[in-house]
Amino acid sequence: MPRNEQSGIFVGTREWDVPSRNHFAALLVARQLCEATGEPVTVVNLDGYKGRRLLGELNFPEEKLRLIEKWKTYPDYLRDVARHKIVLQLDRSHVPGQVAGDALLCRIPCVGGDGAIERIAFSKMCGEGRTINEVASMALDLLKNPELREAVVAESQERARERLSFEAVRTQLAKFFANVQGTSACEQ
């Protein structure tokens, strides 16, 4: 997606009932960012009426909340993610980081969250060790500054090549198995 056609915030969490996902807090931050910047917010709501009712209680500005309410193919989902300026999440579950991986593939910044991909590829924007207010401030800076977004994307791509690419992982696995093989040979 051309950078000048991107708009809005994609909320990367979607589980109301999982406390470590901090979905409600992420939505509150997204609403504040929407009010401050006018950027629309996109949320995946697979909870039907219950989710719409809860989202309605958050009082997003008129016509600024976009809902994705059906499962999509992965390429279609990535096209939706790529339309945004940033992915925002406040997930504190130390998961692998699928949504951050999606942002990485789409070449957009992911701010907040503490998954492995966030900590590796988006280390300066991840949520680990940061307060919600700090994450919100970083997100605001990203929304307002296209050069900062570009720098974050460039750095994330470089870190991914160094540590997350197939080539990098192949090298890491080769070293690991060489050490395992060397250790088991010593034990014989």
C-alpha atoms as a PDB file:
ATOM      1  CA  MET A   1       0.000   0.000   0.000  1.00  0.00           C
ATOM      2  CA  PRO A   2       1.477   3.384  -0.920  1.00  0.00           C
ATOM      3  CA  ARG A   3       2.378   5.314   2.235  1.00  0.00           C
ATOM      4  CA  ASN A   4       0.294   8.343   1.248  1.00  0.00           C
ATOM      5  CA  GLU A   5      -2.801   6.126   1.045  1.00  0.00           C
ATOM      6  CA  GLN A   6      -2.410   4.599   4.498  1.00  0.00           C
ATOM      7  CA  SER A   7      -4.613   5.844   7.297  1.00  0.00           C
ATOM      8  CA  GLY A   8      -5.581   4.852  10.741  1.00  0.00           C
ATOM      9  CA  ILE A   9      -4.772   2.546  13.576  1.00  0.00           C
ATOM     10  CA  PHE A  10      -5.201  -1.216  13.440  1.00  0.00           C
ATOM     11  CA  VAL A  11      -5.872  -2.579  16.941  1.00  0.00           C
ATOM     12  CA  GLY A  12      -3.908  -5.813  17.096  1.00  0.00           C
ATOM     13  CA  THR A  13      -5.727  -7.467  19.975  1.00  0.00           C
ATOM     14  CA  ARG A  14      -9.177  -8.955  19.934  1.00  0.00           C
ATOM     15  CA  GLU A  15      -9.825 -11.051  23.017  1.00  0.00           C
ATOM     16  CA  TRP A  16     -12.013  -9.257  25.562  1.00  0.00           C
ATOM     17  CA  ASP A  17     -11.933 -12.192  27.992  1.00  0.00           C
ATOM     18  CA  VAL A  18      -8.138 -12.684  28.153  1.00  0.00           C
ATOM     19  CA  PRO A  19      -6.789 -10.192  30.712  1.00  0.00           C
ATOM     20  CA  SER A  20      -3.182 -10.282  29.445  1.00  0.00           C
ATOM     21  CA  ARG A  21      -4.311  -9.096  26.004  1.00  0.00           C
ATOM     22  CA  ASN A  22      -5.447  -5.752  27.488  1.00  0.00           C
ATOM     23  CA  HIS A  23      -7.960  -5.375  24.660  1.00  0.00           C
ATOM     24  CA  PHE A  24     -10.114  -2.830  26.504  1.00  0.00           C
ATOM     25  CA  ALA A  25      -7.088  -0.681  27.395  1.00  0.00           C
ATOM     26  CA  ALA A  26      -5.836  -0.848  23.793  1.00  0.00           C
ATOM     27  CA  LEU A  27      -9.228   0.326  22.569  1.00  0.00           C
ATOM     28  CA  LEU A  28      -9.236   3.226  25.035  1.00  0.00           C
ATOM     29  CA  VAL A  29      -5.777   4.290  23.861  1.00  0.00           C
ATOM     30  CA  ALA A  30      -6.890   3.939  20.234  1.00  0.00           C
ATOM     31  CA  ARG A  31      -9.907   6.145  20.929  1.00  0.00           C
ATOM     32  CA  GLN A  32      -7.686   8.792  22.530  1.00  0.00           C
ATOM     33  CA  LEU A  33      -5.335   8.672  19.540  1.00  0.00           C
ATOM     34  CA  CYS A  34      -8.313   8.912  17.184  1.00  0.00           C
ATOM     35  CA  GLU A  35      -9.585  11.984  19.018  1.00  0.00           C
ATOM     36  CA  ALA A  36      -6.124  13.594  18.982  1.00  0.00           C
ATOM     37  CA  THR A  37      -5.320  12.907  15.326  1.00  0.00           C
ATOM     38  CA  GLY A  38      -8.602  12.231  13.525  1.00  0.00           C
ATOM     39  CA  GLU A  39      -7.208   8.862  12.397  1.00  0.00           C
ATOM     40  CA  PRO A  40      -9.791   6.076  12.102  1.00  0.00           C
ATOM     41  CA  VAL A  41      -9.480   2.891  14.163  1.00  0.00           C
ATOM     42  CA  THR A  42      -9.964  -0.638  12.848  1.00  0.00           C
ATOM     43  CA  VAL A  43     -10.903  -3.459  15.208  1.00  0.00           C
ATOM     44  CA  VAL A  44     -11.509  -7.132  14.540  1.00  0.00           C
ATOM     45  CA  ASN A  45     -14.801  -8.049  16.204  1.00  0.00           C
ATOM     46  CA  LEU A  46     -15.646 -11.713  15.934  1.00  0.00           C
ATOM     47  CA  ASP A  47     -17.914 -11.519  19.003  1.00  0.00           C
ATOM     48  CA  GLY A  48     -20.935 -10.299  17.036  1.00  0.00           C
ATOM     49  CA  TYR A  49     -23.548  -8.291  18.909  1.00  0.00           C
ATOM     50  CA  LYS A  50     -21.745  -8.564  22.262  1.00  0.00           C
ATOM     51  CA  GLY A  51     -18.573  -7.063  20.795  1.00  0.00           C
ATOM     52  CA  ARG A  52     -20.474  -4.321  18.939  1.00  0.00           C
ATOM     53  CA  ARG A  53     -22.287  -3.404  22.151  1.00  0.00           C
ATOM     54  CA  LEU A  54     -19.018  -3.172  24.113  1.00  0.00           C
ATOM     55  CA  LEU A  55     -17.377  -1.167  21.333  1.00  0.00           C
ATOM     56  CA  GLY A  56     -20.395   1.150  21.208  1.00  0.00           C
ATOM     57  CA  GLU A  57     -19.928   1.954  24.889  1.00  0.00           C
ATOM     58  CA  LEU A  58     -16.452   3.314  24.130  1.00  0.00           C
ATOM     59  CA  ASN A  59     -17.989   6.268  22.244  1.00  0.00           C
ATOM     60  CA  PHE A  60     -15.582   6.518  19.341  1.00  0.00           C
ATOM     61  CA  PRO A  61     -15.989   9.699  17.291  1.00  0.00           C
ATOM     62  CA  GLU A  62     -18.660   9.432  14.600  1.00  0.00           C
ATOM     63  CA  GLU A  63     -17.661   7.199  11.685  1.00  0.00           C
ATOM     64  CA  LYS A  64     -14.112   6.690  12.989  1.00  0.00           C
ATOM     65  CA  LEU A  65     -14.500   3.056  14.054  1.00  0.00           C
ATOM     66  CA  ARG A  66     -14.130   0.397  11.360  1.00  0.00           C
ATOM     67  CA  LEU A  67     -15.104  -3.168  12.216  1.00  0.00           C
ATOM     68  CA  ILE A  68     -13.894  -6.373  10.617  1.00  0.00           C
ATOM     69  CA  GLU A  69     -16.577  -8.864  11.590  1.00  0.00           C
ATOM     70  CA  LYS A  70     -15.853 -11.965   9.579  1.00  0.00           C
ATOM     71  CA  TRP A  71     -12.934 -14.302   9.119  1.00  0.00           C
ATOM     72  CA  LYS A  72     -10.827 -13.450   6.098  1.00  0.00           C
ATOM     73  CA  THR A  73      -8.220 -15.308   4.149  1.00  0.00           C
ATOM     74  CA  TYR A  74      -4.727 -14.484   5.341  1.00  0.00           C
ATOM     75  CA  PRO A  75      -3.857 -12.429   2.205  1.00  0.00           C
ATOM     76  CA  ASP A  76      -7.090 -10.426   2.578  1.00  0.00           C
ATOM     77  CA  TYR A  77      -6.388  -9.873   6.278  1.00  0.00           C
ATOM     78  CA  LEU A  78      -2.864  -8.641   5.452  1.00  0.00           C
ATOM     79  CA  ARG A  79      -4.301  -6.241   2.871  1.00  0.00           C
ATOM     80  CA  ASP A  80      -6.518  -4.815   5.629  1.00  0.00           C
ATOM     81  CA  VAL A  81      -3.569  -4.447   8.012  1.00  0.00           C
ATOM     82  CA  ALA A  82      -1.415  -2.809   5.315  1.00  0.00           C
ATOM     83  CA  ARG A  83      -3.958  -0.001   4.852  1.00  0.00           C
ATOM     84  CA  HIS A  84      -3.041   1.449   8.255  1.00  0.00           C
ATOM     85  CA  LYS A  85      -0.293   3.705   9.533  1.00  0.00           C
ATOM     86  CA  ILE A  86       0.344   1.623  12.658  1.00  0.00           C
ATOM     87  CA  VAL A  87      -0.650  -1.509  14.529  1.00  0.00           C
ATOM     88  CA  LEU A  88      -1.405  -0.824  18.193  1.00  0.00           C
ATOM     89  CA  GLN A  89      -1.585  -3.426  20.922  1.00  0.00           C
ATOM     90  CA  LEU A  90      -1.029  -3.651  24.641  1.00  0.00           C
ATOM     91  CA  ASP A  91      -0.710  -7.429  24.863  1.00  0.00           C
ATOM     92  CA  ARG A  92       1.312  -8.540  27.900  1.00  0.00           C
ATOM     93  CA  SER A  93       1.209 -12.309  27.395  1.00  0.00           C
ATOM     94  CA  HIS A  94       4.749 -12.809  25.989  1.00  0.00           C
ATOM     95  CA  VAL A  95       3.362 -14.682  22.987  1.00  0.00           C
ATOM     96  CA  PRO A  96       5.397 -15.265  19.808  1.00  0.00           C
ATOM     97  CA  GLY A  97       3.954 -12.089  18.271  1.00  0.00           C
ATOM     98  CA  GLN A  98       1.780 -13.042  15.307  1.00  0.00           C
ATOM     99  CA  VAL A  99       0.214  -9.593  14.892  1.00  0.00           C
ATOM    100  CA  ALA A 100       3.631  -7.940  15.016  1.00  0.00           C
ATOM    101  CA  GLY A 101       4.766 -10.455  12.410  1.00  0.00           C
ATOM    102  CA  ASP A 102       1.808  -9.412  10.284  1.00  0.00           C
ATOM    103  CA  ALA A 103       2.841  -5.747  10.675  1.00  0.00           C
ATOM    104  CA  LEU A 104       6.388  -6.715   9.719  1.00  0.00           C
ATOM    105  CA  LEU A 105       5.133  -8.412   6.541  1.00  0.00           C
ATOM    106  CA  CYS A 106       3.018  -5.330   5.736  1.00  0.00           C
ATOM    107  CA  ARG A 107       5.931  -3.015   6.464  1.00  0.00           C
ATOM    108  CA  ILE A 108       4.082  -0.911   8.998  1.00  0.00           C
ATOM    109  CA  PRO A 109       5.142  -0.135  12.572  1.00  0.00           C
ATOM    110  CA  CYS A 110       3.807  -2.149  15.477  1.00  0.00           C
ATOM    111  CA  VAL A 111       3.703  -0.284  18.771  1.00  0.00           C
ATOM    112  CA  GLY A 112       3.052  -1.892  22.158  1.00  0.00           C
ATOM    113  CA  GLY A 113       2.900  -5.583  22.920  1.00  0.00           C
ATOM    114  CA  ASP A 114       5.642  -7.705  24.394  1.00  0.00           C
ATOM    115  CA  GLY A 115       5.745 -10.754  22.125  1.00  0.00           C
ATOM    116  CA  ALA A 116       8.969 -12.114  20.665  1.00  0.00           C
ATOM    117  CA  ILE A 117       8.537 -10.365  17.303  1.00  0.00           C
ATOM    118  CA  GLU A 118       7.778  -7.065  19.016  1.00  0.00           C
ATOM    119  CA  ARG A 119      10.881  -7.342  21.212  1.00  0.00           C
ATOM    120  CA  ILE A 120      13.135  -8.303  18.284  1.00  0.00           C
ATOM    121  CA  ALA A 121      11.856  -6.373  15.266  1.00  0.00           C
ATOM    122  CA  PHE A 122      10.159  -3.414  16.978  1.00  0.00           C
ATOM    123  CA  SER A 123      12.339  -3.173  20.089  1.00  0.00           C
ATOM    124  CA  LYS A 124      12.135   0.628  20.335  1.00  0.00           C
ATOM    125  CA  MET A 125       8.332   0.549  20.027  1.00  0.00           C
ATOM    126  CA  CYS A 126       7.452  -2.584  22.004  1.00  0.00           C
ATOM    127  CA  GLY A 127       5.541  -2.466  25.255  1.00  0.00           C
ATOM    128  CA  GLU A 128       7.957  -4.461  27.380  1.00  0.00           C
ATOM    129  CA  GLY A 129       8.942  -2.372  30.390  1.00  0.00           C
ATOM    130  CA  ARG A 130       6.832   0.576  29.229  1.00  0.00           C
ATOM    131  CA  THR A 131       3.676   2.063  30.671  1.00  0.00           C
ATOM    132  CA  ILE A 132       0.473   2.420  28.697  1.00  0.00           C
ATOM    133  CA  ASN A 133       1.067   6.184  28.590  1.00  0.00           C
ATOM    134  CA  GLU A 134       4.532   5.659  27.103  1.00  0.00           C
ATOM    135  CA  VAL A 135       3.091   3.339  24.435  1.00  0.00           C
ATOM    136  CA  ALA A 136       0.349   5.887  23.678  1.00  0.00           C
ATOM    137  CA  SER A 137       2.953   8.647  23.316  1.00  0.00           C
ATOM    138  CA  MET A 138       5.050   6.532  20.934  1.00  0.00           C
ATOM    139  CA  ALA A 139       1.928   5.714  18.896  1.00  0.00           C
ATOM    140  CA  LEU A 140       1.020   9.408  18.680  1.00  0.00           C
ATOM    141  CA  ASP A 141       4.529  10.251  17.465  1.00  0.00           C
ATOM    142  CA  LEU A 142       4.290   7.536  14.802  1.00  0.00           C
ATOM    143  CA  LEU A 143       0.900   8.740  13.596  1.00  0.00           C
ATOM    144  CA  LYS A 144       2.109  12.327  13.270  1.00  0.00           C
ATOM    145  CA  ASN A 145       5.538  11.690  11.772  1.00  0.00           C
ATOM    146  CA  PRO A 146       5.827   9.791   8.465  1.00  0.00           C
ATOM    147  CA  GLU A 147       9.635   9.942   8.597  1.00  0.00           C
ATOM    148  CA  LEU A 148       9.609   8.236  11.995  1.00  0.00           C
ATOM    149  CA  ARG A 149       7.286   5.541  10.634  1.00  0.00           C
ATOM    150  CA  GLU A 150       9.669   4.962   7.729  1.00  0.00           C
ATOM    151  CA  ALA A 151      12.662   4.744  10.081  1.00  0.00           C
ATOM    152  CA  VAL A 152      10.869   2.250  12.351  1.00  0.00           C
ATOM    153  CA  VAL A 153       9.907   0.123   9.342  1.00  0.00           C
ATOM    154  CA  ALA A 154      13.458   0.204   7.934  1.00  0.00           C
ATOM    155  CA  GLU A 155      14.914  -0.805  11.300  1.00  0.00           C
ATOM    156  CA  SER A 156      12.333  -3.568  11.756  1.00  0.00           C
ATOM    157  CA  GLN A 157      13.138  -5.005   8.327  1.00  0.00           C
ATOM    158  CA  GLU A 158      16.863  -4.982   9.092  1.00  0.00           C
ATOM    159  CA  ARG A 159      16.373  -6.654  12.479  1.00  0.00           C
ATOM    160  CA  ALA A 160      14.114  -9.240  10.856  1.00  0.00           C
ATOM    161  CA  ARG A 161      16.769 -10.028   8.226  1.00  0.00           C
ATOM    162  CA  GLU A 162      19.384 -10.379  10.972  1.00  0.00           C
ATOM    163  CA  ARG A 163      17.380 -12.402  13.494  1.00  0.00           C
ATOM    164  CA  LEU A 164      14.062 -13.669  12.101  1.00  0.00           C
ATOM    165  CA  SER A 165      14.630 -14.540   8.443  1.00  0.00           C
ATOM    166  CA  PHE A 166      14.884 -18.136   7.271  1.00  0.00           C
ATOM    167  CA  GLU A 167      18.588 -17.617   6.664  1.00  0.00           C
ATOM    168  CA  ALA A 168      19.200 -16.222  10.144  1.00  0.00           C
ATOM    169  CA  VAL A 169      17.191 -18.966  11.833  1.00  0.00           C
ATOM    170  CA  ARG A 170      18.927 -21.645   9.748  1.00  0.00           C
ATOM    171  CA  THR A 171      22.286 -20.360  11.004  1.00  0.00           C
ATOM    172  CA  GLN A 172      21.038 -20.254  14.608  1.00  0.00           C
ATOM    173  CA  LEU A 173      19.689 -23.814  14.347  1.00  0.00           C
ATOM    174  CA  ALA A 174      22.924 -25.082  12.790  1.00  0.00           C
ATOM    175  CA  LYS A 175      24.911 -23.660  15.722  1.00  0.00           C
ATOM    176  CA  PHE A 176      22.446 -25.082  18.229  1.00  0.00           C
ATOM    177  CA  PHE A 177      22.521 -28.590  16.746  1.00  0.00           C
ATOM    178  CA  ALA A 178      26.312 -28.482  16.402  1.00  0.00           C
ATOM    179  CA  ASN A 179      26.508 -27.700  20.136  1.00  0.00           C
ATOM    180  CA  VAL A 180      24.016 -30.445  20.969  1.00  0.00           C
ATOM    181  CA  GLN A 181      25.937 -32.934  18.834  1.00  0.00           C
ATOM    182  CA  GLY A 182      29.243 -31.835  20.384  1.00  0.00           C
ATOM    183  CA  THR A 183      27.806 -32.184  23.893  1.00  0.00           C
ATOM    184  CA  SER A 184      26.404 -35.675  23.267  1.00  0.00           C
ATOM    185  CA  ALA A 185      29.732 -36.778  21.714  1.00  0.00           C
ATOM    186  CA  CYS A 186      31.532 -35.584  24.862  1.00  0.00           C
ATOM    187  CA  GLU A 187      29.123 -37.528  27.078  1.00  0.00           C
ATOM    188  CA  GLN A 188      29.902 -40.813  25.291  1.00  0.00           C
END
